[in-house]
Amino acid sequence: MGLLPKEQPVGLRFQFQSTDAFIRQTETHEAWVVKHSDSDLTVFSPICTHLGCHYDWVASANEFICPCHNSVFSITGKVIAGPAPRPLDTLPYRIENGILYVKWERFQAGIPEKIVV
């Protein structure tokens, strides 16, 4: 975790092993990580809470911006502008021996509640 810059969102890709009956497959997912200290960080789902588009970090504006319908979020995930009904969704994580492990979850878009689908 020492390689991540503090208070600067970093887009990460990670693999997730899924099993359906006897079929196992590896899926690649993305997340945004904001490091606050060596032991504290926030992991955001890359999916906008409005309608499920992928948003980006725009460093020049110091904001996450969704290009689909112009929802804007702060570095803490708070809604600043746009139609997004709730803050950015966070993902569960743990750090072991300096390695970040993220649990992939997907949430229902377009509603005020954070509900796993």
PDB file of N, CA and C in Angstrom:
ATOM      1  N   MET A   1       0.813  -1.184   0.000  1.00  0.00           N
ATOM      2  CA  MET A   1       0.000   0.000   0.000  1.00  0.00           C
ATOM      3  C   MET A   1       0.859   1.251   0.000  1.00  0.00           C
ATOM      4  N   GLY A   2       2.143   1.080   0.279  1.00  0.00           N
ATOM      5  CA  GLY A   2       3.030   2.220   0.326  1.00  0.00           C
ATOM      6  C   GLY A   2       3.205   2.910  -1.020  1.00  0.00           C
ATOM      7  N   LEU A   3       2.910   2.229  -2.121  1.00  0.00           N
ATOM      8  CA  LEU A   3       3.113   2.805  -3.440  1.00  0.00           C
ATOM      9  C   LEU A   3       1.999   3.747  -3.879  1.00  0.00           C
ATOM     10  N   LEU A   4       0.842   3.661  -3.243  1.00  0.00           N
ATOM     11  CA  LEU A   4      -0.268   4.529  -3.611  1.00  0.00           C
ATOM     12  C   LEU A   4      -0.048   5.930  -3.050  1.00  0.00           C
ATOM     13  N   PRO A   5      -0.267   6.976  -3.867  1.00  0.00           N
ATOM     14  CA  PRO A   5      -0.136   8.342  -3.348  1.00  0.00           C
ATOM     15  C   PRO A   5      -1.307   8.692  -2.434  1.00  0.00           C
ATOM     16  N   LYS A   6      -1.059   9.521  -1.444  1.00  0.00           N
ATOM     17  CA  LYS A   6      -2.126   9.920  -0.528  1.00  0.00           C
ATOM     18  C   LYS A   6      -3.057  10.919  -1.195  1.00  0.00           C
ATOM     19  N   GLU A   7      -4.357  10.738  -0.923  1.00  0.00           N
ATOM     20  CA  GLU A   7      -5.423  11.645  -1.371  1.00  0.00           C
ATOM     21  C   GLU A   7      -5.425  11.904  -2.881  1.00  0.00           C
ATOM     22  N   GLN A   8      -5.010  10.889  -3.648  1.00  0.00           N
ATOM     23  CA  GLN A   8      -5.083  10.950  -5.109  1.00  0.00           C
ATOM     24  C   GLN A   8      -5.706   9.641  -5.588  1.00  0.00           C
ATOM     25  N   PRO A   9      -6.897   9.679  -6.174  1.00  0.00           N
ATOM     26  CA  PRO A   9      -7.539   8.455  -6.641  1.00  0.00           C
ATOM     27  C   PRO A   9      -6.688   7.721  -7.685  1.00  0.00           C
ATOM     28  N   VAL A  10      -6.640   6.410  -7.524  1.00  0.00           N
ATOM     29  CA  VAL A  10      -5.905   5.559  -8.446  1.00  0.00           C
ATOM     30  C   VAL A  10      -6.859   4.484  -8.944  1.00  0.00           C
ATOM     31  N   GLY A  11      -6.940   4.328 -10.246  1.00  0.00           N
ATOM     32  CA  GLY A  11      -7.759   3.272 -10.829  1.00  0.00           C
ATOM     33  C   GLY A  11      -6.988   1.968 -10.821  1.00  0.00           C
ATOM     34  N   LEU A  12      -7.587   0.924 -10.257  1.00  0.00           N
ATOM     35  CA  LEU A  12      -6.945  -0.388 -10.195  1.00  0.00           C
ATOM     36  C   LEU A  12      -7.804  -1.428 -10.895  1.00  0.00           C
ATOM     37  N   ARG A  13      -7.147  -2.410 -11.481  1.00  0.00           N
ATOM     38  CA  ARG A  13      -7.831  -3.573 -12.054  1.00  0.00           C
ATOM     39  C   ARG A  13      -7.458  -4.777 -11.216  1.00  0.00           C
ATOM     40  N   PHE A  14      -8.430  -5.627 -10.991  1.00  0.00           N
ATOM     41  CA  PHE A  14      -8.155  -6.844 -10.227  1.00  0.00           C
ATOM     42  C   PHE A  14      -9.007  -7.975 -10.773  1.00  0.00           C
ATOM     43  N   GLN A  15      -8.591  -9.189 -10.467  1.00  0.00           N
ATOM     44  CA  GLN A  15      -9.317 -10.350 -10.952  1.00  0.00           C
ATOM     45  C   GLN A  15     -10.156 -10.947  -9.837  1.00  0.00           C
ATOM     46  N   PHE A  16     -11.295 -11.474 -10.245  1.00  0.00           N
ATOM     47  CA  PHE A  16     -12.271 -12.052  -9.322  1.00  0.00           C
ATOM     48  C   PHE A  16     -12.627 -13.437  -9.851  1.00  0.00           C
ATOM     49  N   GLN A  17     -12.554 -14.430  -8.997  1.00  0.00           N
ATOM     50  CA  GLN A  17     -12.870 -15.808  -9.359  1.00  0.00           C
ATOM     51  C   GLN A  17     -14.341 -16.071  -9.052  1.00  0.00           C
ATOM     52  N   SER A  18     -15.151 -16.371 -10.071  1.00  0.00           N
ATOM     53  CA  SER A  18     -16.565 -16.669  -9.830  1.00  0.00           C
ATOM     54  C   SER A  18     -16.852 -18.127 -10.186  1.00  0.00           C
ATOM     55  N   THR A  19     -17.832 -18.687  -9.473  1.00  0.00           N
ATOM     56  CA  THR A  19     -18.221 -20.069  -9.705  1.00  0.00           C
ATOM     57  C   THR A  19     -19.733 -20.131  -9.841  1.00  0.00           C
ATOM     58  N   ASP A  20     -20.198 -20.757 -10.919  1.00  0.00           N
ATOM     59  CA  ASP A  20     -21.620 -20.972 -11.151  1.00  0.00           C
ATOM     60  C   ASP A  20     -21.786 -22.454 -11.457  1.00  0.00           C
ATOM     61  N   ALA A  21     -22.366 -23.186 -10.502  1.00  0.00           N
ATOM     62  CA  ALA A  21     -22.448 -24.650 -10.589  1.00  0.00           C
ATOM     63  C   ALA A  21     -21.019 -25.179 -10.672  1.00  0.00           C
ATOM     64  N   PHE A  22     -20.653 -25.795 -11.800  1.00  0.00           N
ATOM     65  CA  PHE A  22     -19.301 -26.338 -11.950  1.00  0.00           C
ATOM     66  C   PHE A  22     -18.423 -25.479 -12.852  1.00  0.00           C
ATOM     67  N   ILE A  23     -18.941 -24.350 -13.264  1.00  0.00           N
ATOM     68  CA  ILE A  23     -18.198 -23.478 -14.167  1.00  0.00           C
ATOM     69  C   ILE A  23     -17.487 -22.401 -13.356  1.00  0.00           C
ATOM     70  N   ARG A  24     -16.166 -22.395 -13.468  1.00  0.00           N
ATOM     71  CA  ARG A  24     -15.351 -21.380 -12.793  1.00  0.00           C
ATOM     72  C   ARG A  24     -14.771 -20.464 -13.851  1.00  0.00           C
ATOM     73  N   GLN A  25     -14.847 -19.183 -13.592  1.00  0.00           N
ATOM     74  CA  GLN A  25     -14.259 -18.239 -14.532  1.00  0.00           C
ATOM     75  C   GLN A  25     -13.624 -17.080 -13.787  1.00  0.00           C
ATOM     76  N   THR A  26     -12.652 -16.460 -14.434  1.00  0.00           N
ATOM     77  CA  THR A  26     -11.982 -15.310 -13.870  1.00  0.00           C
ATOM     78  C   THR A  26     -12.492 -14.072 -14.574  1.00  0.00           C
ATOM     79  N   GLU A  27     -12.972 -13.127 -13.801  1.00  0.00           N
ATOM     80  CA  GLU A  27     -13.475 -11.867 -14.339  1.00  0.00           C
ATOM     81  C   GLU A  27     -12.534 -10.749 -13.902  1.00  0.00           C
ATOM     82  N   THR A  28     -12.358  -9.768 -14.761  1.00  0.00           N
ATOM     83  CA  THR A  28     -11.549  -8.602 -14.418  1.00  0.00           C
ATOM     84  C   THR A  28     -12.482  -7.449 -14.075  1.00  0.00           C
ATOM     85  N   HIS A  29     -12.224  -6.822 -12.942  1.00  0.00           N
ATOM     86  CA  HIS A  29     -13.023  -5.690 -12.487  1.00  0.00           C
ATOM     87  C   HIS A  29     -12.103  -4.505 -12.226  1.00  0.00           C
ATOM     88  N   GLU A  30     -12.708  -3.349 -12.086  1.00  0.00           N
ATOM     89  CA  GLU A  30     -11.969  -2.129 -11.788  1.00  0.00           C
ATOM     90  C   GLU A  30     -12.513  -1.511 -10.511  1.00  0.00           C
ATOM     91  N   ALA A  31     -11.703  -0.671  -9.910  1.00  0.00           N
ATOM     92  CA  ALA A  31     -12.120   0.074  -8.724  1.00  0.00           C
ATOM     93  C   ALA A  31     -11.259   1.325  -8.631  1.00  0.00           C
ATOM     94  N   TRP A  32     -11.763   2.312  -7.922  1.00  0.00           N
ATOM     95  CA  TRP A  32     -10.995   3.512  -7.615  1.00  0.00           C
ATOM     96  C   TRP A  32     -10.580   3.431  -6.155  1.00  0.00           C
ATOM     97  N   VAL A  33      -9.311   3.657  -5.871  1.00  0.00           N
ATOM     98  CA  VAL A  33      -8.791   3.596  -4.510  1.00  0.00           C
ATOM     99  C   VAL A  33      -8.245   4.960  -4.124  1.00  0.00           C
ATOM    100  N   VAL A  34      -8.656   5.431  -2.941  1.00  0.00           N
ATOM    101  CA  VAL A  34      -8.132   6.678  -2.388  1.00  0.00           C
ATOM    102  C   VAL A  34      -7.470   6.332  -1.056  1.00  0.00           C
ATOM    103  N   LYS A  35      -6.174   6.547  -0.990  1.00  0.00           N
ATOM    104  CA  LYS A  35      -5.407   6.266   0.224  1.00  0.00           C
ATOM    105  C   LYS A  35      -5.421   7.507   1.120  1.00  0.00           C
ATOM    106  N   HIS A  36      -5.836   7.321   2.362  1.00  0.00           N
ATOM    107  CA  HIS A  36      -5.862   8.415   3.328  1.00  0.00           C
ATOM    108  C   HIS A  36      -4.639   8.355   4.244  1.00  0.00           C
ATOM    109  N   SER A  37      -4.222   7.143   4.580  1.00  0.00           N
ATOM    110  CA  SER A  37      -3.017   6.911   5.378  1.00  0.00           C
ATOM    111  C   SER A  37      -2.550   5.496   5.049  1.00  0.00           C
ATOM    112  N   ASP A  38      -1.484   5.040   5.681  1.00  0.00           N
ATOM    113  CA  ASP A  38      -0.980   3.699   5.380  1.00  0.00           C
ATOM    114  C   ASP A  38      -1.955   2.600   5.781  1.00  0.00           C
ATOM    115  N   SER A  39      -2.877   2.898   6.681  1.00  0.00           N
ATOM    116  CA  SER A  39      -3.826   1.875   7.121  1.00  0.00           C
ATOM    117  C   SER A  39      -5.282   2.203   6.795  1.00  0.00           C
ATOM    118  N   ASP A  40      -5.530   3.346   6.183  1.00  0.00           N
ATOM    119  CA  ASP A  40      -6.899   3.765   5.910  1.00  0.00           C
ATOM    120  C   ASP A  40      -7.048   4.177   4.452  1.00  0.00           C
ATOM    121  N   LEU A  41      -8.005   3.564   3.781  1.00  0.00           N
ATOM    122  CA  LEU A  41      -8.291   3.936   2.404  1.00  0.00           C
ATOM    123  C   LEU A  41      -9.758   3.704   2.105  1.00  0.00           C
ATOM    124  N   THR A  42     -10.192   4.215   0.963  1.00  0.00           N
ATOM    125  CA  THR A  42     -11.554   4.010   0.493  1.00  0.00           C
ATOM    126  C   THR A  42     -11.467   3.366  -0.878  1.00  0.00           C
ATOM    127  N   VAL A  43     -12.268   2.326  -1.100  1.00  0.00           N
ATOM    128  CA  VAL A  43     -12.327   1.665  -2.399  1.00  0.00           C
ATOM    129  C   VAL A  43     -13.728   1.896  -2.955  1.00  0.00           C
ATOM    130  N   PHE A  44     -13.791   2.571  -4.104  1.00  0.00           N
ATOM    131  CA  PHE A  44     -15.067   2.871  -4.747  1.00  0.00           C
ATOM    132  C   PHE A  44     -15.323   1.942  -5.919  1.00  0.00           C
ATOM    133  N   SER A  45     -16.565   1.512  -6.053  1.00  0.00           N
ATOM    134  CA  SER A  45     -17.000   0.846  -7.273  1.00  0.00           C
ATOM    135  C   SER A  45     -16.854   1.865  -8.408  1.00  0.00           C
ATOM    136  N   PRO A  46     -16.498   1.419  -9.620  1.00  0.00           N
ATOM    137  CA  PRO A  46     -16.337   2.353 -10.738  1.00  0.00           C
ATOM    138  C   PRO A  46     -17.646   2.691 -11.435  1.00  0.00           C
ATOM    139  N   ILE A  47     -18.756   2.240 -10.867  1.00  0.00           N
ATOM    140  CA  ILE A  47     -20.060   2.369 -11.513  1.00  0.00           C
ATOM    141  C   ILE A  47     -20.853   3.504 -10.879  1.00  0.00           C
ATOM    142  N   CYS A  48     -21.301   4.442 -11.712  1.00  0.00           N
ATOM    143  CA  CYS A  48     -22.075   5.580 -11.237  1.00  0.00           C
ATOM    144  C   CYS A  48     -23.398   5.100 -10.636  1.00  0.00           C
ATOM    145  N   THR A  49     -23.793   5.733  -9.565  1.00  0.00           N
ATOM    146  CA  THR A  49     -25.017   5.343  -8.863  1.00  0.00           C
ATOM    147  C   THR A  49     -26.281   5.801  -9.579  1.00  0.00           C
ATOM    148  N   HIS A  50     -26.140   6.610 -10.616  1.00  0.00           N
ATOM    149  CA  HIS A  50     -27.311   7.096 -11.345  1.00  0.00           C
ATOM    150  C   HIS A  50     -27.895   6.000 -12.228  1.00  0.00           C
ATOM    151  N   LEU A  51     -27.186   5.648 -13.312  1.00  0.00           N
ATOM    152  CA  LEU A  51     -27.711   4.633 -14.241  1.00  0.00           C
ATOM    153  C   LEU A  51     -26.695   3.553 -14.595  1.00  0.00           C
ATOM    154  N   GLY A  52     -25.576   3.513 -13.875  1.00  0.00           N
ATOM    155  CA  GLY A  52     -24.637   2.417 -14.065  1.00  0.00           C
ATOM    156  C   GLY A  52     -23.524   2.644 -15.071  1.00  0.00           C
ATOM    157  N   CYS A  53     -23.316   3.871 -15.511  1.00  0.00           N
ATOM    158  CA  CYS A  53     -22.185   4.177 -16.394  1.00  0.00           C
ATOM    159  C   CYS A  53     -20.891   4.149 -15.574  1.00  0.00           C
ATOM    160  N   HIS A  54     -19.770   4.094 -16.255  1.00  0.00           N
ATOM    161  CA  HIS A  54     -18.479   4.185 -15.572  1.00  0.00           C
ATOM    162  C   HIS A  54     -18.030   5.640 -15.558  1.00  0.00           C
ATOM    163  N   TYR A  55     -17.631   6.116 -14.398  1.00  0.00           N
ATOM    164  CA  TYR A  55     -17.163   7.485 -14.242  1.00  0.00           C
ATOM    165  C   TYR A  55     -15.640   7.504 -14.216  1.00  0.00           C
ATOM    166  N   ASP A  56     -15.058   8.696 -14.274  1.00  0.00           N
ATOM    167  CA  ASP A  56     -13.606   8.863 -14.234  1.00  0.00           C
ATOM    168  C   ASP A  56     -13.213   9.920 -13.216  1.00  0.00           C
ATOM    169  N   TRP A  57     -11.962   9.858 -12.786  1.00  0.00           N
ATOM    170  CA  TRP A  57     -11.389  10.909 -11.957  1.00  0.00           C
ATOM    171  C   TRP A  57     -10.843  11.966 -12.903  1.00  0.00           C
ATOM    172  N   VAL A  58     -11.247  13.197 -12.706  1.00  0.00           N
ATOM    173  CA  VAL A  58     -10.754  14.318 -13.507  1.00  0.00           C
ATOM    174  C   VAL A  58      -9.881  15.161 -12.585  1.00  0.00           C
ATOM    175  N   ALA A  59      -8.580  14.958 -12.701  1.00  0.00           N
ATOM    176  CA  ALA A  59      -7.635  15.587 -11.785  1.00  0.00           C
ATOM    177  C   ALA A  59      -7.695  17.115 -11.856  1.00  0.00           C
ATOM    178  N   SER A  60      -7.895  17.669 -13.042  1.00  0.00           N
ATOM    179  CA  SER A  60      -7.921  19.131 -13.174  1.00  0.00           C
ATOM    180  C   SER A  60      -9.096  19.759 -12.415  1.00  0.00           C
ATOM    181  N   ALA A  61     -10.176  18.994 -12.257  1.00  0.00           N
ATOM    182  CA  ALA A  61     -11.343  19.476 -11.508  1.00  0.00           C
ATOM    183  C   ALA A  61     -11.339  18.966 -10.066  1.00  0.00           C
ATOM    184  N   ASN A  62     -10.463  17.993  -9.776  1.00  0.00           N
ATOM    185  CA  ASN A  62     -10.396  17.345  -8.468  1.00  0.00           C
ATOM    186  C   ASN A  62     -11.738  16.705  -8.107  1.00  0.00           C
ATOM    187  N   GLU A  63     -12.349  16.036  -9.111  1.00  0.00           N
ATOM    188  CA  GLU A  63     -13.672  15.418  -8.939  1.00  0.00           C
ATOM    189  C   GLU A  63     -13.790  14.156  -9.779  1.00  0.00           C
ATOM    190  N   PHE A  64     -14.674  13.269  -9.329  1.00  0.00           N
ATOM    191  CA  PHE A  64     -15.091  12.146 -10.160  1.00  0.00           C
ATOM    192  C   PHE A  64     -16.258  12.654 -11.005  1.00  0.00           C
ATOM    193  N   ILE A  65     -16.223  12.421 -12.307  1.00  0.00           N
ATOM    194  CA  ILE A  65     -17.278  12.904 -13.190  1.00  0.00           C
ATOM    195  C   ILE A  65     -17.764  11.772 -14.074  1.00  0.00           C
ATOM    196  N   CYS A  66     -19.082  11.607 -14.133  1.00  0.00           N
ATOM    197  CA  CYS A  66     -19.688  10.603 -14.992  1.00  0.00           C
ATOM    198  C   CYS A  66     -20.041  11.273 -16.322  1.00  0.00           C
ATOM    199  N   PRO A  67     -19.521  10.774 -17.437  1.00  0.00           N
ATOM    200  CA  PRO A  67     -19.760  11.412 -18.728  1.00  0.00           C
ATOM    201  C   PRO A  67     -21.165  11.187 -19.281  1.00  0.00           C
ATOM    202  N   CYS A  68     -21.904  10.242 -18.749  1.00  0.00           N
ATOM    203  CA  CYS A  68     -23.225   9.933 -19.299  1.00  0.00           C
ATOM    204  C   CYS A  68     -24.263  11.014 -19.010  1.00  0.00           C
ATOM    205  N   HIS A  69     -24.376  11.417 -17.743  1.00  0.00           N
ATOM    206  CA  HIS A  69     -25.411  12.382 -17.371  1.00  0.00           C
ATOM    207  C   HIS A  69     -24.881  13.466 -16.440  1.00  0.00           C
ATOM    208  N   ASN A  70     -23.559  13.609 -16.417  1.00  0.00           N
ATOM    209  CA  ASN A  70     -22.882  14.687 -15.689  1.00  0.00           C
ATOM    210  C   ASN A  70     -23.063  14.676 -14.182  1.00  0.00           C
ATOM    211  N   SER A  71     -23.149  13.501 -13.591  1.00  0.00           N
ATOM    212  CA  SER A  71     -23.089  13.455 -12.132  1.00  0.00           C
ATOM    213  C   SER A  71     -21.645  13.745 -11.730  1.00  0.00           C
ATOM    214  N   VAL A  72     -21.493  14.506 -10.650  1.00  0.00           N
ATOM    215  CA  VAL A  72     -20.170  14.898 -10.175  1.00  0.00           C
ATOM    216  C   VAL A  72     -20.067  14.505  -8.708  1.00  0.00           C
ATOM    217  N   PHE A  73     -18.910  13.919  -8.333  1.00  0.00           N
ATOM    218  CA  PHE A  73     -18.693  13.435  -6.974  1.00  0.00           C
ATOM    219  C   PHE A  73     -17.369  13.972  -6.448  1.00  0.00           C
ATOM    220  N   SER A  74     -17.308  14.209  -5.152  1.00  0.00           N
ATOM    221  CA  SER A  74     -16.063  14.657  -4.511  1.00  0.00           C
ATOM    222  C   SER A  74     -15.119  13.464  -4.351  1.00  0.00           C
ATOM    223  N   ILE A  75     -13.915  13.741  -3.882  1.00  0.00           N
ATOM    224  CA  ILE A  75     -12.933  12.680  -3.644  1.00  0.00           C
ATOM    225  C   ILE A  75     -13.409  11.732  -2.538  1.00  0.00           C
ATOM    226  N   THR A  76     -14.362  12.166  -1.713  1.00  0.00           N
ATOM    227  CA  THR A  76     -14.916  11.309  -0.665  1.00  0.00           C
ATOM    228  C   THR A  76     -16.151  10.540  -1.155  1.00  0.00           C
ATOM    229  N   GLY A  77     -16.548  10.774  -2.418  1.00  0.00           N
ATOM    230  CA  GLY A  77     -17.693  10.068  -2.988  1.00  0.00           C
ATOM    231  C   GLY A  77     -19.012  10.803  -2.863  1.00  0.00           C
ATOM    232  N   LYS A  78     -19.022  11.947  -2.205  1.00  0.00           N
ATOM    233  CA  LYS A  78     -20.248  12.718  -2.008  1.00  0.00           C
ATOM    234  C   LYS A  78     -20.729  13.299  -3.344  1.00  0.00           C
ATOM    235  N   VAL A  79     -22.051  13.292  -3.547  1.00  0.00           N
ATOM    236  CA  VAL A  79     -22.634  13.881  -4.749  1.00  0.00           C
ATOM    237  C   VAL A  79     -22.504  15.395  -4.676  1.00  0.00           C
ATOM    238  N   ILE A  80     -21.892  15.983  -5.706  1.00  0.00           N
ATOM    239  CA  ILE A  80     -21.747  17.439  -5.789  1.00  0.00           C
ATOM    240  C   ILE A  80     -22.791  18.008  -6.735  1.00  0.00           C
ATOM    241  N   ALA A  81     -23.040  17.302  -7.852  1.00  0.00           N
ATOM    242  CA  ALA A  81     -23.999  17.780  -8.853  1.00  0.00           C
ATOM    243  C   ALA A  81     -24.508  16.599  -9.676  1.00  0.00           C
ATOM    244  N   GLY A  82     -25.622  16.846 -10.347  1.00  0.00           N
ATOM    245  CA  GLY A  82     -26.156  15.841 -11.263  1.00  0.00           C
ATOM    246  C   GLY A  82     -27.273  15.017 -10.670  1.00  0.00           C
ATOM    247  N   PRO A  83     -27.731  14.057 -11.450  1.00  0.00           N
ATOM    248  CA  PRO A  83     -28.888  13.262 -11.041  1.00  0.00           C
ATOM    249  C   PRO A  83     -28.588  12.048 -10.157  1.00  0.00           C
ATOM    250  N   ALA A  84     -27.337  11.802  -9.792  1.00  0.00           N
ATOM    251  CA  ALA A  84     -27.014  10.630  -8.972  1.00  0.00           C
ATOM    252  C   ALA A  84     -27.812  10.656  -7.669  1.00  0.00           C
ATOM    253  N   PRO A  85     -28.501   9.544  -7.314  1.00  0.00           N
ATOM    254  CA  PRO A  85     -29.361   9.525  -6.136  1.00  0.00           C
ATOM    255  C   PRO A  85     -28.652   9.254  -4.804  1.00  0.00           C
ATOM    256  N   ARG A  86     -27.367   8.881  -4.865  1.00  0.00           N
ATOM    257  CA  ARG A  86     -26.626   8.592  -3.624  1.00  0.00           C
ATOM    258  C   ARG A  86     -25.131   8.759  -3.906  1.00  0.00           C
ATOM    259  N   PRO A  87     -24.316   8.780  -2.860  1.00  0.00           N
ATOM    260  CA  PRO A  87     -22.865   8.873  -3.047  1.00  0.00           C
ATOM    261  C   PRO A  87     -22.330   7.655  -3.808  1.00  0.00           C
ATOM    262  N   LEU A  88     -21.067   7.725  -4.178  1.00  0.00           N
ATOM    263  CA  LEU A  88     -20.424   6.578  -4.824  1.00  0.00           C
ATOM    264  C   LEU A  88     -20.453   5.380  -3.882  1.00  0.00           C
ATOM    265  N   ASP A  89     -20.622   4.209  -4.451  1.00  0.00           N
ATOM    266  CA  ASP A  89     -20.662   2.985  -3.658  1.00  0.00           C
ATOM    267  C   ASP A  89     -19.248   2.551  -3.298  1.00  0.00           C
ATOM    268  N   THR A  90     -19.060   2.162  -2.042  1.00  0.00           N
ATOM    269  CA  THR A  90     -17.765   1.661  -1.593  1.00  0.00           C
ATOM    270  C   THR A  90     -17.775   0.140  -1.623  1.00  0.00           C
ATOM    271  N   LEU A  91     -16.579  -0.411  -1.796  1.00  0.00           N
ATOM    272  CA  LEU A  91     -16.406  -1.866  -1.822  1.00  0.00           C
ATOM    273  C   LEU A  91     -15.641  -2.304  -0.577  1.00  0.00           C
ATOM    274  N   PRO A  92     -16.001  -3.466  -0.033  1.00  0.00           N
ATOM    275  CA  PRO A  92     -15.269  -3.990   1.120  1.00  0.00           C
ATOM    276  C   PRO A  92     -13.845  -4.382   0.711  1.00  0.00           C
ATOM    277  N   TYR A  93     -12.911  -4.209   1.621  1.00  0.00           N
ATOM    278  CA  TYR A  93     -11.521  -4.570   1.339  1.00  0.00           C
ATOM    279  C   TYR A  93     -10.834  -4.982   2.633  1.00  0.00           C
ATOM    280  N   ARG A  94      -9.663  -5.562   2.459  1.00  0.00           N
ATOM    281  CA  ARG A  94      -8.780  -5.834   3.585  1.00  0.00           C
ATOM    282  C   ARG A  94      -7.350  -5.711   3.071  1.00  0.00           C
ATOM    283  N   ILE A  95      -6.440  -5.443   3.974  1.00  0.00           N
ATOM    284  CA  ILE A  95      -5.025  -5.349   3.639  1.00  0.00           C
ATOM    285  C   ILE A  95      -4.298  -6.408   4.450  1.00  0.00           C
ATOM    286  N   GLU A  96      -3.561  -7.264   3.747  1.00  0.00           N
ATOM    287  CA  GLU A  96      -2.762  -8.294   4.412  1.00  0.00           C
ATOM    288  C   GLU A  96      -1.350  -8.244   3.862  1.00  0.00           C
ATOM    289  N   ASN A  97      -0.383  -8.078   4.743  1.00  0.00           N
ATOM    290  CA  ASN A  97       1.026  -8.020   4.346  1.00  0.00           C
ATOM    291  C   ASN A  97       1.266  -7.008   3.232  1.00  0.00           C
ATOM    292  N   GLY A  98       0.582  -5.870   3.328  1.00  0.00           N
ATOM    293  CA  GLY A  98       0.774  -4.807   2.349  1.00  0.00           C
ATOM    294  C   GLY A  98       0.060  -5.022   1.028  1.00  0.00           C
ATOM    295  N   ILE A  99      -0.761  -6.064   0.923  1.00  0.00           N
ATOM    296  CA  ILE A  99      -1.494  -6.362  -0.304  1.00  0.00           C
ATOM    297  C   ILE A  99      -2.970  -6.041  -0.088  1.00  0.00           C
ATOM    298  N   LEU A 100      -3.540  -5.331  -1.050  1.00  0.00           N
ATOM    299  CA  LEU A 100      -4.950  -4.947  -0.988  1.00  0.00           C
ATOM    300  C   LEU A 100      -5.808  -6.032  -1.630  1.00  0.00           C
ATOM    301  N   TYR A 101      -6.804  -6.512  -0.893  1.00  0.00           N
ATOM    302  CA  TYR A 101      -7.784  -7.475  -1.400  1.00  0.00           C
ATOM    303  C   TYR A 101      -9.144  -6.787  -1.408  1.00  0.00           C
ATOM    304  N   VAL A 102      -9.801  -6.780  -2.564  1.00  0.00           N
ATOM    305  CA  VAL A 102     -11.086  -6.116  -2.724  1.00  0.00           C
ATOM    306  C   VAL A 102     -12.157  -7.156  -3.005  1.00  0.00           C
ATOM    307  N   LYS A 103     -13.294  -7.032  -2.332  1.00  0.00           N
ATOM    308  CA  LYS A 103     -14.442  -7.898  -2.603  1.00  0.00           C
ATOM    309  C   LYS A 103     -15.325  -7.193  -3.628  1.00  0.00           C
ATOM    310  N   TRP A 104     -15.517  -7.814  -4.776  1.00  0.00           N
ATOM    311  CA  TRP A 104     -16.337  -7.215  -5.823  1.00  0.00           C
ATOM    312  C   TRP A 104     -17.812  -7.362  -5.480  1.00  0.00           C
ATOM    313  N   GLU A 105     -18.524  -6.261  -5.547  1.00  0.00           N
ATOM    314  CA  GLU A 105     -19.972  -6.258  -5.385  1.00  0.00           C
ATOM    315  C   GLU A 105     -20.538  -5.278  -6.403  1.00  0.00           C
ATOM    316  N   ARG A 106     -21.752  -5.549  -6.853  1.00  0.00           N
ATOM    317  CA  ARG A 106     -22.444  -4.630  -7.758  1.00  0.00           C
ATOM    318  C   ARG A 106     -23.724  -4.190  -7.055  1.00  0.00           C
ATOM    319  N   PHE A 107     -24.077  -2.918  -7.220  1.00  0.00           N
ATOM    320  CA  PHE A 107     -25.212  -2.348  -6.530  1.00  0.00           C
ATOM    321  C   PHE A 107     -26.253  -1.852  -7.526  1.00  0.00           C
ATOM    322  N   GLN A 108     -27.491  -1.856  -7.097  1.00  0.00           N
ATOM    323  CA  GLN A 108     -28.581  -1.384  -7.944  1.00  0.00           C
ATOM    324  C   GLN A 108     -28.426   0.119  -8.170  1.00  0.00           C
ATOM    325  N   ALA A 109     -28.501   0.518  -9.432  1.00  0.00           N
ATOM    326  CA  ALA A 109     -28.375   1.932  -9.780  1.00  0.00           C
ATOM    327  C   ALA A 109     -29.734   2.610  -9.778  1.00  0.00           C
ATOM    328  N   GLY A 110     -29.708   3.933  -9.637  1.00  0.00           N
ATOM    329  CA  GLY A 110     -30.912   4.735  -9.800  1.00  0.00           C
ATOM    330  C   GLY A 110     -31.814   4.857  -8.592  1.00  0.00           C
ATOM    331  N   ILE A 111     -31.384   4.321  -7.442  1.00  0.00           N
ATOM    332  CA  ILE A 111     -32.215   4.417  -6.236  1.00  0.00           C
ATOM    333  C   ILE A 111     -31.365   4.997  -5.091  1.00  0.00           C
ATOM    334  N   PRO A 112     -31.994   5.586  -4.083  1.00  0.00           N
ATOM    335  CA  PRO A 112     -31.243   6.205  -2.978  1.00  0.00           C
ATOM    336  C   PRO A 112     -30.545   5.197  -2.068  1.00  0.00           C
ATOM    337  N   GLU A 113     -31.023   3.948  -2.019  1.00  0.00           N
ATOM    338  CA  GLU A 113     -30.449   2.945  -1.132  1.00  0.00           C
ATOM    339  C   GLU A 113     -29.330   2.188  -1.829  1.00  0.00           C
ATOM    340  N   LYS A 114     -28.350   1.756  -1.052  1.00  0.00           N
ATOM    341  CA  LYS A 114     -27.260   0.934  -1.561  1.00  0.00           C
ATOM    342  C   LYS A 114     -27.656  -0.535  -1.391  1.00  0.00           C
ATOM    343  N   ILE A 115     -28.100  -1.168  -2.476  1.00  0.00           N
ATOM    344  CA  ILE A 115     -28.571  -2.548  -2.425  1.00  0.00           C
ATOM    345  C   ILE A 115     -27.739  -3.410  -3.370  1.00  0.00           C
ATOM    346  N   VAL A 116     -27.147  -4.479  -2.836  1.00  0.00           N
ATOM    347  CA  VAL A 116     -26.352  -5.401  -3.658  1.00  0.00           C
ATOM    348  C   VAL A 116     -27.288  -6.167  -4.591  1.00  0.00           C
ATOM    349  N   VAL A 117     -26.858  -6.284  -5.855  1.00  0.00           N
ATOM    350  CA  VAL A 117     -27.649  -7.087  -6.822  1.00  0.00           C
ATOM    351  C   VAL A 117     -26.893  -8.336  -7.197  1.00  0.00           C
TER     352      VAL A 117
END
